[in-house]
Amino acid sequence: MKVLRTLVYLLVLLATTAGGVLFALQNTQPVPLDLLVYQFAERSLALWVLAALGVGGILGLLASGLIILRLRTRLGVARRNLARTQTELDRLRLGGIKDSE
């Protein structure tokens, strides 16, 4: 199963790379990028689009990483509360058995 997953990942990576290369070959027109306060030199349209895709992917990974970190922290707190509650329940059960004897 692990070999199949690796093979699928490699095929997706290869297809993505091939798509990026074909996109870059088809979009070679030089285009300046104007960001209101700064204008970059003219570069290939494919470069700007692929750069935007890359920056968006990295920002998405960072945002999801922060969400995962927050959720793991909440899970840790919930597990500690559960352990504390189970310990208290066990103590109360043992105390109830000793009192009834």
Protein backbone atom coordinates (compact mmCIF):
# COMPACT_ATOMS: atom_id res chain seq x y z
CA MET A 1 0.00 0.00 0.00
CA LYS A 2 2.88 2.35 0.82
CA VAL A 3 4.49 1.63 -2.56
CA LEU A 4 1.21 2.44 -4.34
CA ARG A 5 0.87 5.72 -2.44
CA THR A 6 4.45 6.68 -3.33
CA LEU A 7 3.81 5.82 -6.96
CA VAL A 8 0.66 7.97 -7.04
CA TYR A 9 2.55 10.89 -5.44
CA LEU A 10 5.32 10.56 -8.01
CA LEU A 11 2.82 10.47 -10.88
CA VAL A 12 1.04 13.57 -9.56
CA LEU A 13 4.38 15.35 -9.12
CA LEU A 14 5.45 14.40 -12.64
CA ALA A 15 2.13 15.53 -14.15
CA THR A 16 2.30 18.83 -12.25
CA THR A 17 5.87 19.45 -13.37
CA ALA A 18 5.01 18.62 -16.98
CA GLY A 19 2.00 20.95 -16.81
CA GLY A 20 4.16 23.75 -15.42
CA VAL A 21 6.77 23.29 -18.15
CA LEU A 22 4.12 23.28 -20.89
CA PHE A 23 2.48 26.35 -19.36
CA ALA A 24 5.85 28.14 -19.24
CA LEU A 25 6.58 27.28 -22.87
CA GLN A 26 3.20 28.59 -24.03
CA ASN A 27 3.29 31.87 -22.06
CA THR A 28 6.59 33.55 -22.84
CA GLN A 29 5.29 37.11 -23.33
CA PRO A 30 7.12 39.60 -21.08
CA VAL A 31 4.77 41.34 -18.66
CA PRO A 32 5.65 43.90 -15.95
CA LEU A 33 4.20 43.32 -12.49
CA ASP A 34 2.84 46.50 -10.89
CA LEU A 35 2.19 46.37 -7.12
CA LEU A 36 0.97 49.99 -6.73
CA VAL A 37 4.12 51.14 -4.92
CA TYR A 38 6.69 49.16 -6.89
CA GLN A 39 6.88 47.95 -10.45
CA PHE A 40 8.95 44.86 -11.19
CA ALA A 41 10.85 44.47 -14.44
CA GLU A 42 9.23 42.67 -17.34
CA ARG A 43 9.38 38.91 -16.96
CA SER A 44 7.59 35.98 -18.55
CA LEU A 45 3.87 35.76 -17.85
CA ALA A 46 4.38 32.14 -16.84
CA LEU A 47 6.96 33.19 -14.25
CA TRP A 48 4.55 35.60 -12.57
CA VAL A 49 1.66 33.13 -12.60
CA LEU A 50 3.76 30.22 -11.31
CA ALA A 51 5.35 32.48 -8.67
CA ALA A 52 1.89 33.54 -7.49
CA LEU A 53 0.86 29.89 -7.35
CA GLY A 54 3.96 29.03 -5.31
CA VAL A 55 3.50 31.94 -2.88
CA GLY A 56 -0.17 31.03 -2.46
CA GLY A 57 0.73 27.41 -1.76
CA ILE A 58 3.30 28.40 0.87
CA LEU A 59 0.87 30.82 2.54
CA GLY A 60 -1.79 28.11 2.55
CA LEU A 61 0.61 25.66 4.20
CA LEU A 62 1.51 28.24 6.85
CA ALA A 63 -2.14 29.03 7.56
CA SER A 64 -3.11 25.36 7.83
CA GLY A 65 -0.04 24.71 9.99
CA LEU A 66 -1.19 27.37 12.46
CA ILE A 67 -4.67 25.87 12.55
CA ILE A 68 -3.26 22.37 13.13
CA LEU A 69 -1.01 23.69 15.91
CA ARG A 70 -3.99 25.33 17.63
CA LEU A 71 -6.08 22.16 17.32
CA ARG A 72 -3.27 19.98 18.71
CA THR A 73 -2.95 22.33 21.68
CA ARG A 74 -6.68 22.06 22.35
CA LEU A 75 -6.47 18.27 22.02
CA GLY A 76 -3.65 18.16 24.58
CA VAL A 77 -5.69 20.24 27.03
CA ALA A 78 -8.72 17.98 26.51
CA ARG A 79 -6.62 14.85 27.08
CA ARG A 80 -5.18 16.27 30.31
CA ASN A 81 -8.69 17.12 31.50
CA LEU A 82 -9.86 13.62 30.62
CA ALA A 83 -6.97 12.02 32.50
CA ARG A 84 -7.64 14.21 35.53
CA THR A 85 -11.35 13.35 35.45
CA GLN A 86 -10.66 9.62 35.08
CA THR A 87 -8.24 9.73 38.01
CA GLU A 88 -10.84 11.48 40.13
CA LEU A 89 -13.53 8.99 39.08
CA ASP A 90 -11.30 6.04 39.96
CA ARG A 91 -10.53 7.60 43.33
CA LEU A 92 -14.23 8.15 44.03
CA ARG A 93 -15.08 4.58 43.00
CA LEU A 94 -12.43 3.15 45.30
CA GLY A 95 -13.59 5.42 48.10
CA GLY A 96 -17.19 4.27 47.60
CA ILE A 97 -16.17 0.59 47.79
CA LYS A 98 -14.19 1.12 50.99
CA ASP A 99 -17.05 3.04 52.63
CA SER A 100 -19.62 0.31 51.90
CA GLU A 101 -17.54 -2.48 53.46
